[in-house]
Amino acid sequence: MNSRPAALVLQGVVRAYREGPGRLDVLRGVNIAVQPGEIVALVGPSGSGKTTLLQIAGLLDHPDAGGVRIGGAPCESMSDAERTRTRRKRVGFVYQFHHLLPEFSALENVAMPQRIAGKSKAEASAHALTLLDRLGLAARVKHRPGELSGGERQRVAIARAVANGPELLLGDEPTGNLDHKTAENVFASLLELVRETGLGALIATHNLELAGRMDRTLNLSDGVVVQQ
């Protein structure tokens, strides 16, 4: 039995925004738990609040009410500095666009967050090489993003997201800009990495075929989450 705490827990999360004189309720008491080694799909129509939910889960936004726990640590009362440290150490992000730094190689892009976290250049580079090799990019480590295909860039982005050994991986349409075959390959790499590392992953996607290959699917509709 897994004794590790949940990678992510959202409990009673509420988020609303002012819209002119009115109020737009985006999240209305969301409850989610993602376990270590589990990959969970988050689906819902455009505008349903998937990105808002991921931003709250990744400590990029504050809920109006409710609690957030990452790796068992309660986050709602953390200072901004504590939230930044937790996000840097415990959370990895993969977006629809890779956001790689164009002037740096694949290896340097993956090593950079490790250097920021305090690793030596040699240690960060060695770990980056290991991750890129695991994702099938050993022959491309010296190439800059402009010299890589779309699928290769997304795999570099995945390697960068997990470089500091997070407990939680959040993906916002990570295959949304890719053709069907490339999306399948990138998702397979992502799934394998989640299984190997034991982190928990919450992936927002419109691709119901990919969602069906994850462990569970959560449907966000009218501000609440329902498991399918």
C-alpha atoms as a PDB file:
ATOM      1  CA  MET A   1       0.000   0.000   0.000  1.00  0.00           C
ATOM      2  CA  ASN A   2       1.327   3.445  -0.952  1.00  0.00           C
ATOM      3  CA  SER A   3       2.051   5.419   2.229  1.00  0.00           C
ATOM      4  CA  ARG A   4       3.125   8.586   0.420  1.00  0.00           C
ATOM      5  CA  PRO A   5       0.771  11.564   0.716  1.00  0.00           C
ATOM      6  CA  ALA A   6      -1.273  12.599  -2.288  1.00  0.00           C
ATOM      7  CA  ALA A   7       0.679  14.596  -4.857  1.00  0.00           C
ATOM      8  CA  LEU A   8      -2.193  17.085  -5.001  1.00  0.00           C
ATOM      9  CA  VAL A   9      -5.331  17.715  -2.981  1.00  0.00           C
ATOM     10  CA  LEU A  10      -7.827  20.473  -3.737  1.00  0.00           C
ATOM     11  CA  GLN A  11     -10.574  20.695  -1.137  1.00  0.00           C
ATOM     12  CA  GLY A  12     -13.587  22.930  -1.558  1.00  0.00           C
ATOM     13  CA  VAL A  13     -11.753  25.277  -3.916  1.00  0.00           C
ATOM     14  CA  VAL A  14     -13.762  28.335  -4.965  1.00  0.00           C
ATOM     15  CA  ARG A  15     -12.652  30.982  -7.468  1.00  0.00           C
ATOM     16  CA  ALA A  16     -14.665  33.852  -8.912  1.00  0.00           C
ATOM     17  CA  TYR A  17     -13.852  36.971 -10.905  1.00  0.00           C
ATOM     18  CA  ARG A  18     -15.526  40.341 -11.183  1.00  0.00           C
ATOM     19  CA  GLU A  19     -17.132  40.819 -14.586  1.00  0.00           C
ATOM     20  CA  GLY A  20     -18.407  44.387 -14.813  1.00  0.00           C
ATOM     21  CA  PRO A  21     -21.002  44.845 -12.110  1.00  0.00           C
ATOM     22  CA  GLY A  22     -21.473  41.099 -11.773  1.00  0.00           C
ATOM     23  CA  ARG A  23     -19.501  38.072 -10.644  1.00  0.00           C
ATOM     24  CA  LEU A  24     -18.283  35.130 -12.711  1.00  0.00           C
ATOM     25  CA  ASP A  25     -18.099  31.934 -10.656  1.00  0.00           C
ATOM     26  CA  VAL A  26     -15.428  29.755 -12.265  1.00  0.00           C
ATOM     27  CA  LEU A  27     -14.823  27.117  -9.581  1.00  0.00           C
ATOM     28  CA  ARG A  28     -17.597  26.281  -7.127  1.00  0.00           C
ATOM     29  CA  GLY A  29     -16.143  23.972  -4.518  1.00  0.00           C
ATOM     30  CA  VAL A  30     -13.760  21.735  -6.450  1.00  0.00           C
ATOM     31  CA  ASN A  31     -12.458  18.585  -4.766  1.00  0.00           C
ATOM     32  CA  ILE A  32      -9.577  16.671  -6.367  1.00  0.00           C
ATOM     33  CA  ALA A  33      -6.922  14.233  -5.184  1.00  0.00           C
ATOM     34  CA  VAL A  34      -4.089  13.017  -7.417  1.00  0.00           C
ATOM     35  CA  GLN A  35      -1.984  10.163  -6.066  1.00  0.00           C
ATOM     36  CA  PRO A  36       1.741   9.486  -6.651  1.00  0.00           C
ATOM     37  CA  GLY A  37       2.290   7.613  -9.904  1.00  0.00           C
ATOM     38  CA  GLU A  38      -1.186   8.499 -11.159  1.00  0.00           C
ATOM     39  CA  ILE A  39      -1.929  10.440 -14.342  1.00  0.00           C
ATOM     40  CA  VAL A  40      -5.327  12.112 -14.354  1.00  0.00           C
ATOM     41  CA  ALA A  41      -7.066  13.814 -17.288  1.00  0.00           C
ATOM     42  CA  LEU A  42      -8.924  17.078 -16.774  1.00  0.00           C
ATOM     43  CA  VAL A  43     -11.483  17.722 -19.516  1.00  0.00           C
ATOM     44  CA  GLY A  44     -14.179  20.285 -20.080  1.00  0.00           C
ATOM     45  CA  PRO A  45     -15.357  22.811 -22.669  1.00  0.00           C
ATOM     46  CA  SER A  46     -13.314  25.926 -23.441  1.00  0.00           C
ATOM     47  CA  GLY A  47     -13.906  28.521 -20.762  1.00  0.00           C
ATOM     48  CA  SER A  48     -14.878  25.951 -18.137  1.00  0.00           C
ATOM     49  CA  GLY A  49     -12.004  26.921 -15.832  1.00  0.00           C
ATOM     50  CA  LYS A  50      -9.398  24.224 -16.516  1.00  0.00           C
ATOM     51  CA  THR A  51      -6.544  26.721 -16.706  1.00  0.00           C
ATOM     52  CA  THR A  52      -7.741  28.501 -13.558  1.00  0.00           C
ATOM     53  CA  LEU A  53      -7.822  25.175 -11.736  1.00  0.00           C
ATOM     54  CA  LEU A  54      -4.280  24.335 -12.869  1.00  0.00           C
ATOM     55  CA  GLN A  55      -3.015  27.778 -11.838  1.00  0.00           C
ATOM     56  CA  ILE A  56      -4.451  27.302  -8.359  1.00  0.00           C
ATOM     57  CA  ALA A  57      -3.046  23.774  -8.150  1.00  0.00           C
ATOM     58  CA  GLY A  58       0.371  25.112  -9.187  1.00  0.00           C
ATOM     59  CA  LEU A  59       0.246  28.014  -6.696  1.00  0.00           C
ATOM     60  CA  LEU A  60       0.146  30.617  -9.457  1.00  0.00           C
ATOM     61  CA  ASP A  61      -3.249  31.876  -8.267  1.00  0.00           C
ATOM     62  CA  HIS A  62      -5.034  32.005  -4.925  1.00  0.00           C
ATOM     63  CA  PRO A  63      -8.454  30.445  -4.384  1.00  0.00           C
ATOM     64  CA  ASP A  64     -11.146  32.588  -2.808  1.00  0.00           C
ATOM     65  CA  ALA A  65     -11.903  29.684  -0.475  1.00  0.00           C
ATOM     66  CA  GLY A  66     -10.767  26.117   0.052  1.00  0.00           C
ATOM     67  CA  GLY A  67      -7.472  24.340   0.583  1.00  0.00           C
ATOM     68  CA  VAL A  68      -4.533  23.243  -1.568  1.00  0.00           C
ATOM     69  CA  ARG A  69      -2.055  20.567  -0.511  1.00  0.00           C
ATOM     70  CA  ILE A  70       0.987  19.493  -2.510  1.00  0.00           C
ATOM     71  CA  GLY A  71       2.799  16.404  -1.291  1.00  0.00           C
ATOM     72  CA  GLY A  72       0.858  16.652   1.966  1.00  0.00           C
ATOM     73  CA  ALA A  73       1.934  20.242   2.657  1.00  0.00           C
ATOM     74  CA  PRO A  74      -0.891  22.771   3.192  1.00  0.00           C
ATOM     75  CA  CYS A  75      -0.291  25.761   0.911  1.00  0.00           C
ATOM     76  CA  GLU A  76      -3.143  28.188   1.554  1.00  0.00           C
ATOM     77  CA  SER A  77      -1.365  30.031   4.406  1.00  0.00           C
ATOM     78  CA  MET A  78       2.078  30.149   2.778  1.00  0.00           C
ATOM     79  CA  SER A  79       3.779  33.462   2.098  1.00  0.00           C
ATOM     80  CA  ASP A  80       4.567  34.399  -1.487  1.00  0.00           C
ATOM     81  CA  ALA A  81       8.193  33.372  -0.947  1.00  0.00           C
ATOM     82  CA  GLU A  82       7.132  29.997   0.458  1.00  0.00           C
ATOM     83  CA  ARG A  83       4.768  29.462  -2.464  1.00  0.00           C
ATOM     84  CA  THR A  84       7.582  30.217  -4.900  1.00  0.00           C
ATOM     85  CA  ARG A  85       9.926  27.754  -3.164  1.00  0.00           C
ATOM     86  CA  THR A  86       7.231  25.062  -3.103  1.00  0.00           C
ATOM     87  CA  ARG A  87       6.403  25.622  -6.755  1.00  0.00           C
ATOM     88  CA  ARG A  88      10.064  25.470  -7.754  1.00  0.00           C
ATOM     89  CA  LYS A  89      10.782  22.310  -5.769  1.00  0.00           C
ATOM     90  CA  ARG A  90       7.552  20.327  -5.903  1.00  0.00           C
ATOM     91  CA  VAL A  91       5.687  21.289  -9.085  1.00  0.00           C
ATOM     92  CA  GLY A  92       6.522  20.913 -12.777  1.00  0.00           C
ATOM     93  CA  PHE A  93       4.586  22.606 -15.584  1.00  0.00           C
ATOM     94  CA  VAL A  94       4.140  21.655 -19.244  1.00  0.00           C
ATOM     95  CA  TYR A  95       2.172  24.032 -21.445  1.00  0.00           C
ATOM     96  CA  GLN A  96       0.680  23.879 -24.938  1.00  0.00           C
ATOM     97  CA  PHE A  97       3.616  25.950 -26.165  1.00  0.00           C
ATOM     98  CA  HIS A  98       7.025  24.694 -25.069  1.00  0.00           C
ATOM     99  CA  HIS A  99       8.401  28.050 -23.781  1.00  0.00           C
ATOM    100  CA  LEU A 100      11.990  26.866 -24.254  1.00  0.00           C
ATOM    101  CA  LEU A 101      14.679  29.549 -24.333  1.00  0.00           C
ATOM    102  CA  PRO A 102      15.629  29.789 -28.021  1.00  0.00           C
ATOM    103  CA  GLU A 103      19.271  30.743 -27.519  1.00  0.00           C
ATOM    104  CA  PHE A 104      20.063  27.666 -25.408  1.00  0.00           C
ATOM    105  CA  SER A 105      20.425  24.011 -26.373  1.00  0.00           C
ATOM    106  CA  ALA A 106      18.041  21.290 -25.252  1.00  0.00           C
ATOM    107  CA  LEU A 107      20.570  20.233 -22.625  1.00  0.00           C
ATOM    108  CA  GLU A 108      20.969  23.781 -21.322  1.00  0.00           C
ATOM    109  CA  ASN A 109      17.205  24.311 -21.165  1.00  0.00           C
ATOM    110  CA  VAL A 110      16.798  21.223 -18.984  1.00  0.00           C
ATOM    111  CA  ALA A 111      19.841  22.011 -16.850  1.00  0.00           C
ATOM    112  CA  MET A 112      18.796  25.601 -16.159  1.00  0.00           C
ATOM    113  CA  PRO A 113      16.075  25.002 -13.518  1.00  0.00           C
ATOM    114  CA  GLN A 114      18.472  22.681 -11.735  1.00  0.00           C
ATOM    115  CA  ARG A 115      21.162  25.366 -11.672  1.00  0.00           C
ATOM    116  CA  ILE A 116      18.611  27.814 -10.253  1.00  0.00           C
ATOM    117  CA  ALA A 117      17.829  25.234  -7.558  1.00  0.00           C
ATOM    118  CA  GLY A 118      21.505  25.095  -6.597  1.00  0.00           C
ATOM    119  CA  LYS A 119      22.996  22.140  -8.470  1.00  0.00           C
ATOM    120  CA  SER A 120      26.466  22.405  -9.956  1.00  0.00           C
ATOM    121  CA  LYS A 121      26.819  22.732 -13.719  1.00  0.00           C
ATOM    122  CA  ALA A 122      28.242  19.210 -13.997  1.00  0.00           C
ATOM    123  CA  GLU A 123      25.503  17.644 -11.871  1.00  0.00           C
ATOM    124  CA  ALA A 124      22.711  19.528 -13.656  1.00  0.00           C
ATOM    125  CA  SER A 125      24.080  18.646 -17.093  1.00  0.00           C
ATOM    126  CA  ALA A 126      24.457  14.971 -16.216  1.00  0.00           C
ATOM    127  CA  HIS A 127      20.879  14.734 -14.966  1.00  0.00           C
ATOM    128  CA  ALA A 128      19.589  16.669 -17.990  1.00  0.00           C
ATOM    129  CA  LEU A 129      21.381  14.234 -20.284  1.00  0.00           C
ATOM    130  CA  THR A 130      19.814  11.281 -18.455  1.00  0.00           C
ATOM    131  CA  LEU A 131      16.315  12.727 -18.803  1.00  0.00           C
ATOM    132  CA  LEU A 132      16.725  13.617 -22.465  1.00  0.00           C
ATOM    133  CA  ASP A 133      18.107  10.164 -23.197  1.00  0.00           C
ATOM    134  CA  ARG A 134      15.106   8.593 -21.419  1.00  0.00           C
ATOM    135  CA  LEU A 135      12.845  10.644 -23.692  1.00  0.00           C
ATOM    136  CA  GLY A 136      14.661   9.531 -26.835  1.00  0.00           C
ATOM    137  CA  LEU A 137      16.576  12.755 -27.413  1.00  0.00           C
ATOM    138  CA  ALA A 138      20.170  11.704 -26.744  1.00  0.00           C
ATOM    139  CA  ALA A 139      21.175  12.649 -30.285  1.00  0.00           C
ATOM    140  CA  ARG A 140      19.524  16.075 -30.053  1.00  0.00           C
ATOM    141  CA  VAL A 141      20.871  17.460 -26.771  1.00  0.00           C
ATOM    142  CA  LYS A 142      23.077  20.104 -28.425  1.00  0.00           C
ATOM    143  CA  HIS A 143      20.341  21.349 -30.729  1.00  0.00           C
ATOM    144  CA  ARG A 144      18.519  24.592 -30.028  1.00  0.00           C
ATOM    145  CA  PRO A 145      14.703  24.692 -30.053  1.00  0.00           C
ATOM    146  CA  GLY A 146      14.615  26.125 -33.572  1.00  0.00           C
ATOM    147  CA  GLU A 147      16.447  23.033 -34.804  1.00  0.00           C
ATOM    148  CA  LEU A 148      13.992  20.599 -33.189  1.00  0.00           C
ATOM    149  CA  SER A 149      10.612  19.335 -34.347  1.00  0.00           C
ATOM    150  CA  GLY A 150       7.446  20.246 -32.457  1.00  0.00           C
ATOM    151  CA  GLY A 151       7.342  16.858 -30.745  1.00  0.00           C
ATOM    152  CA  GLU A 152      11.000  17.069 -29.781  1.00  0.00           C
ATOM    153  CA  ARG A 153      10.496  20.521 -28.289  1.00  0.00           C
ATOM    154  CA  GLN A 154       7.604  19.253 -26.173  1.00  0.00           C
ATOM    155  CA  ARG A 155       9.692  16.328 -24.929  1.00  0.00           C
ATOM    156  CA  VAL A 156      12.435  18.770 -23.931  1.00  0.00           C
ATOM    157  CA  ALA A 157       9.765  20.788 -22.116  1.00  0.00           C
ATOM    158  CA  ILE A 158       8.666  17.637 -20.270  1.00  0.00           C
ATOM    159  CA  ALA A 159      12.257  16.878 -19.282  1.00  0.00           C
ATOM    160  CA  ARG A 160      12.654  20.438 -17.999  1.00  0.00           C
ATOM    161  CA  ALA A 161       9.409  20.167 -16.022  1.00  0.00           C
ATOM    162  CA  VAL A 162      10.599  17.083 -14.106  1.00  0.00           C
ATOM    163  CA  ALA A 163      14.283  18.044 -13.826  1.00  0.00           C
ATOM    164  CA  ASN A 164      14.033  19.056 -10.163  1.00  0.00           C
ATOM    165  CA  GLY A 165      12.174  15.908  -9.144  1.00  0.00           C
ATOM    166  CA  PRO A 166       8.733  17.399  -8.452  1.00  0.00           C
ATOM    167  CA  GLU A 167       5.941  15.487  -6.764  1.00  0.00           C
ATOM    168  CA  LEU A 168       3.321  17.007  -9.071  1.00  0.00           C
ATOM    169  CA  LEU A 169       3.266  17.575 -12.834  1.00  0.00           C
ATOM    170  CA  LEU A 170       0.637  19.900 -14.292  1.00  0.00           C
ATOM    171  CA  GLY A 171      -0.030  19.945 -18.035  1.00  0.00           C
ATOM    172  CA  ASP A 172      -2.182  22.472 -19.882  1.00  0.00           C
ATOM    173  CA  GLU A 173      -2.917  20.973 -23.321  1.00  0.00           C
ATOM    174  CA  PRO A 174       0.700  19.725 -23.649  1.00  0.00           C
ATOM    175  CA  THR A 175      -0.032  18.037 -26.991  1.00  0.00           C
ATOM    176  CA  GLY A 176      -2.520  20.606 -28.263  1.00  0.00           C
ATOM    177  CA  ASN A 177      -0.211  22.069 -30.919  1.00  0.00           C
ATOM    178  CA  LEU A 178       0.892  18.711 -32.321  1.00  0.00           C
ATOM    179  CA  ASP A 179      -0.442  16.505 -35.088  1.00  0.00           C
ATOM    180  CA  HIS A 180      -2.124  13.254 -34.093  1.00  0.00           C
ATOM    181  CA  LYS A 181       0.876  10.935 -34.499  1.00  0.00           C
ATOM    182  CA  THR A 182       3.286  13.311 -32.777  1.00  0.00           C
ATOM    183  CA  ALA A 183       0.808  13.879 -29.949  1.00  0.00           C
ATOM    184  CA  GLU A 184       0.590  10.110 -29.444  1.00  0.00           C
ATOM    185  CA  ASN A 185       4.380   9.815 -29.236  1.00  0.00           C
ATOM    186  CA  VAL A 186       4.760  12.733 -26.834  1.00  0.00           C
ATOM    187  CA  PHE A 187       1.951  11.435 -24.625  1.00  0.00           C
ATOM    188  CA  ALA A 188       3.523   7.974 -24.535  1.00  0.00           C
ATOM    189  CA  SER A 189       6.795   9.555 -23.357  1.00  0.00           C
ATOM    190  CA  LEU A 190       4.925  11.543 -20.711  1.00  0.00           C
ATOM    191  CA  LEU A 191       3.024   8.490 -19.477  1.00  0.00           C
ATOM    192  CA  GLU A 192       6.190   6.416 -19.230  1.00  0.00           C
ATOM    193  CA  LEU A 193       7.988   9.151 -17.301  1.00  0.00           C
ATOM    194  CA  VAL A 194       5.135   9.481 -14.801  1.00  0.00           C
ATOM    195  CA  ARG A 195       5.189   5.731 -14.211  1.00  0.00           C
ATOM    196  CA  GLU A 196       8.972   5.610 -13.822  1.00  0.00           C
ATOM    197  CA  THR A 197       9.325   8.592 -11.492  1.00  0.00           C
ATOM    198  CA  GLY A 198       6.196   8.051  -9.384  1.00  0.00           C
ATOM    199  CA  LEU A 199       5.078  11.657  -9.537  1.00  0.00           C
ATOM    200  CA  GLY A 200       1.402  12.550  -9.827  1.00  0.00           C
ATOM    201  CA  ALA A 201       0.160  14.272 -12.977  1.00  0.00           C
ATOM    202  CA  LEU A 202      -2.952  16.316 -13.762  1.00  0.00           C
ATOM    203  CA  ILE A 203      -3.281  16.961 -17.504  1.00  0.00           C
ATOM    204  CA  ALA A 204      -5.870  19.272 -19.056  1.00  0.00           C
ATOM    205  CA  THR A 205      -6.748  18.163 -22.566  1.00  0.00           C
ATOM    206  CA  HIS A 206      -9.411  18.392 -25.249  1.00  0.00           C
ATOM    207  CA  ASN A 207      -8.178  15.121 -26.731  1.00  0.00           C
ATOM    208  CA  LEU A 208     -10.651  12.560 -25.395  1.00  0.00           C
ATOM    209  CA  GLU A 209      -8.668   9.698 -26.947  1.00  0.00           C
ATOM    210  CA  LEU A 210      -5.608  10.633 -24.884  1.00  0.00           C
ATOM    211  CA  ALA A 211      -7.792  11.250 -21.828  1.00  0.00           C
ATOM    212  CA  GLY A 212      -9.068   7.693 -22.152  1.00  0.00           C
ATOM    213  CA  ARG A 213      -5.527   6.362 -21.800  1.00  0.00           C
ATOM    214  CA  MET A 214      -5.001   8.050 -18.452  1.00  0.00           C
ATOM    215  CA  ASP A 215      -5.890   6.476 -15.127  1.00  0.00           C
ATOM    216  CA  ARG A 216      -8.964   8.614 -14.551  1.00  0.00           C
ATOM    217  CA  THR A 217     -10.845  11.451 -16.211  1.00  0.00           C
ATOM    218  CA  LEU A 218     -12.204  14.438 -14.315  1.00  0.00           C
ATOM    219  CA  ASN A 219     -14.829  16.534 -16.089  1.00  0.00           C
ATOM    220  CA  LEU A 220     -15.004  20.217 -15.149  1.00  0.00           C
ATOM    221  CA  SER A 221     -18.442  21.636 -15.840  1.00  0.00           C
ATOM    222  CA  ASP A 222     -20.387  24.491 -14.239  1.00  0.00           C
ATOM    223  CA  GLY A 223     -17.576  25.030 -11.776  1.00  0.00           C
ATOM    224  CA  VAL A 224     -17.526  21.546 -10.295  1.00  0.00           C
ATOM    225  CA  VAL A 225     -15.536  18.401 -11.067  1.00  0.00           C
ATOM    226  CA  VAL A 226     -17.165  15.061 -11.744  1.00  0.00           C
ATOM    227  CA  GLN A 227     -15.182  11.849 -12.181  1.00  0.00           C
ATOM    228  CA  GLN A 228     -16.083   9.897 -15.317  1.00  0.00           C
END
